Amino acid sequence: MDKYFEDTYRRNCRKELANYFYQKINDITLGTEAHNHIWAFVIKSLHFTFAYLAYVIYLFAPLWIGLITLIGSLSVWGLFIYLKGCFVSNVEYKLNGENFINVIDPYLVMFGYPVNEEMRYLGTLQIVVVYFSIAFAILYVRLKGRHLAKN
């Protein structure tokens, strides 16, 4: 049971998960790696913009969709913590390692932090705390407003 909490096991799980999705993408493209840079760009753009799109969902979608989005986001964050990093970033790197920029890198550069593995992990944790604070605040206001509208 202890092996499930060892860092090496958790990092290997992240690599296996990334390899699984990498293989699925190669299966879709019939094994040609000629367009991997395009797949990497599409995944990275979705990876980068998901948090902003989630805010739109939290603000304007029906409340139940916002709550489902929040549960999904919390699940992905749990995976990030358990796997000691983001498997989506690993897939992006496998698809286009030559021109790899992690989604957290612009934030690190913007705030003057060095771009390395440790800062990427810590920076992601800090950005996620801000993200969930805003998400919970939005949903709280929406729930409170809904309650006040009924009274």
Protein backbone atom coordinates (compact mmCIF):
# COMPACT_ATOMS: atom_id res chain seq x y z
CA MET A 1 0.00 0.00 0.00
CA ASP A 2 2.90 2.37 0.70
CA LYS A 3 4.12 2.16 -2.89
CA TYR A 4 1.13 4.23 -4.04
CA PHE A 5 2.53 7.18 -2.09
CA GLU A 6 6.17 6.91 -3.19
CA ASP A 7 7.32 9.74 -5.44
CA THR A 8 8.84 7.41 -8.02
CA TYR A 9 5.61 5.41 -8.35
CA ARG A 10 3.53 8.57 -8.72
CA ARG A 11 5.87 10.09 -11.31
CA ASN A 12 5.89 6.80 -13.24
CA CYS A 13 2.08 6.85 -13.25
CA ARG A 14 2.23 10.35 -14.76
CA LYS A 15 4.63 9.13 -17.45
CA GLU A 16 2.47 6.09 -18.22
CA LEU A 17 -0.63 8.26 -18.49
CA ALA A 18 1.20 10.66 -20.81
CA ASN A 19 2.45 7.73 -22.91
CA TYR A 20 -1.09 6.37 -23.14
CA PHE A 21 -2.46 9.64 -24.54
CA TYR A 22 0.58 10.05 -26.79
CA GLN A 23 -0.10 6.60 -28.25
CA LYS A 24 -3.79 7.42 -28.73
CA ILE A 25 -2.85 10.59 -30.63
CA ASN A 26 -0.44 8.59 -32.81
CA ASP A 27 -3.18 6.02 -33.43
CA ILE A 28 -5.48 8.81 -34.62
CA THR A 29 -2.80 10.15 -36.95
CA LEU A 30 -2.04 6.63 -38.22
CA GLY A 31 1.43 6.60 -36.71
CA THR A 32 2.75 9.60 -38.64
CA GLU A 33 4.51 12.02 -36.38
CA ALA A 34 4.59 14.75 -39.01
CA HIS A 35 1.81 16.74 -37.35
CA ASN A 36 2.78 16.29 -33.71
CA HIS A 37 3.67 19.97 -33.39
CA ILE A 38 0.12 20.87 -34.43
CA TRP A 39 -1.37 18.45 -31.89
CA ALA A 40 0.93 19.91 -29.24
CA PHE A 41 -0.25 23.43 -30.10
CA VAL A 42 -3.93 22.47 -29.95
CA ILE A 43 -3.53 20.69 -26.61
CA LYS A 44 -1.44 23.53 -25.18
CA SER A 45 -3.95 26.16 -26.27
CA LEU A 46 -6.80 24.24 -24.64
CA HIS A 47 -4.62 23.60 -21.59
CA PHE A 48 -3.82 27.30 -21.26
CA THR A 49 -7.33 28.67 -21.89
CA PHE A 50 -9.38 26.13 -19.92
CA ALA A 51 -9.23 28.14 -16.68
CA TYR A 52 -10.49 31.27 -18.43
CA LEU A 53 -13.23 29.33 -20.20
CA ALA A 54 -14.19 27.79 -16.86
CA TYR A 55 -14.69 31.29 -15.45
CA VAL A 56 -17.16 31.98 -18.27
CA ILE A 57 -18.96 28.77 -17.32
CA TYR A 58 -18.97 29.71 -13.62
CA LEU A 59 -20.38 33.15 -14.45
CA PHE A 60 -22.95 32.47 -17.14
CA ALA A 61 -23.81 28.77 -17.47
CA PRO A 62 -26.54 27.12 -15.43
CA LEU A 63 -25.35 26.60 -11.88
CA TRP A 64 -25.28 22.81 -12.13
CA ILE A 65 -22.90 23.00 -15.10
CA GLY A 66 -20.67 25.35 -13.11
CA LEU A 67 -20.61 22.89 -10.21
CA ILE A 68 -19.77 19.99 -12.52
CA THR A 69 -16.95 22.09 -14.02
CA LEU A 70 -15.68 22.85 -10.51
CA ILE A 71 -15.72 19.16 -9.55
CA GLY A 72 -13.83 18.31 -12.74
CA SER A 73 -11.28 21.05 -12.05
CA LEU A 74 -10.80 19.83 -8.48
CA SER A 75 -10.30 16.29 -9.78
CA VAL A 76 -7.65 17.43 -12.25
CA TRP A 77 -5.93 19.41 -9.48
CA GLY A 78 -5.97 16.29 -7.30
CA LEU A 79 -4.29 14.39 -10.13
CA PHE A 80 -1.69 17.13 -10.45
CA ILE A 81 -0.83 16.87 -6.76
CA TYR A 82 -0.88 13.07 -6.68
CA LEU A 83 1.16 12.64 -9.87
CA LYS A 84 3.66 15.33 -8.80
CA GLY A 85 3.04 17.29 -11.98
CA CYS A 86 0.80 17.61 -14.99
CA PHE A 87 0.47 14.68 -17.35
CA VAL A 88 -0.99 17.01 -20.02
CA SER A 89 2.29 18.95 -20.03
CA ASN A 90 4.11 15.65 -20.43
CA VAL A 91 1.97 14.84 -23.49
CA GLU A 92 2.71 18.29 -24.91
CA TYR A 93 6.42 17.71 -24.37
CA LYS A 94 6.34 14.28 -26.03
CA LEU A 95 4.56 15.79 -29.02
CA ASN A 96 6.89 18.75 -29.45
CA GLY A 97 9.85 18.74 -27.07
CA GLU A 98 11.97 20.99 -29.28
CA ASN A 99 9.77 24.06 -28.81
CA PHE A 100 8.34 23.21 -25.40
CA ILE A 101 6.95 25.99 -23.25
CA ASN A 102 5.03 24.95 -20.15
CA VAL A 103 1.70 26.72 -19.60
CA ILE A 104 2.99 28.16 -16.31
CA ASP A 105 6.15 29.64 -17.91
CA PRO A 106 4.54 32.97 -18.97
CA TYR A 107 3.38 33.55 -15.40
CA LEU A 108 6.82 32.72 -13.99
CA VAL A 109 8.50 35.12 -16.41
CA MET A 110 5.87 37.82 -15.78
CA PHE A 111 6.50 37.70 -12.03
CA GLY A 112 10.28 37.37 -12.32
CA TYR A 113 10.74 33.77 -11.15
CA PRO A 114 13.26 31.37 -12.69
CA VAL A 115 11.87 28.84 -15.14
CA ASN A 116 12.76 25.39 -13.78
CA GLU A 117 10.92 22.24 -12.71
CA GLU A 118 10.61 23.20 -9.04
CA MET A 119 9.27 26.69 -9.77
CA ARG A 120 6.88 25.29 -12.37
CA TYR A 121 5.39 22.98 -9.75
CA LEU A 122 5.26 25.61 -6.99
CA GLY A 123 4.03 28.31 -9.37
CA THR A 124 1.24 26.05 -10.59
CA LEU A 125 0.16 25.40 -7.02
CA GLN A 126 0.06 29.15 -6.33
CA ILE A 127 -1.85 29.96 -9.52
CA VAL A 128 -4.33 27.17 -8.76
CA VAL A 129 -5.01 28.60 -5.28
CA VAL A 130 -5.87 31.93 -6.90
CA TYR A 131 -7.98 30.18 -9.56
CA PHE A 132 -10.02 28.21 -7.04
CA SER A 133 -10.41 31.22 -4.73
CA ILE A 134 -11.98 33.16 -7.59
CA ALA A 135 -14.04 30.16 -8.72
CA PHE A 136 -15.44 29.53 -5.24
CA ALA A 137 -16.18 33.26 -4.82
CA ILE A 138 -18.08 33.38 -8.13
CA LEU A 139 -20.11 30.29 -7.30
CA TYR A 140 -20.76 31.52 -3.75
CA VAL A 141 -22.12 34.84 -5.05
CA ARG A 142 -24.26 33.01 -7.59
CA LEU A 143 -25.64 30.65 -4.93
CA LYS A 144 -26.23 33.50 -2.50
CA GLY A 145 -27.89 35.58 -5.21
CA ARG A 146 -30.12 32.67 -6.09
CA HIS A 147 -31.11 32.30 -2.44
CA LEU A 148 -31.81 36.04 -2.09
CA ALA A 149 -33.88 36.04 -5.28
CA LYS A 150 -36.17 33.34 -3.86
CA ASN A 151 -36.86 35.37 -0.69
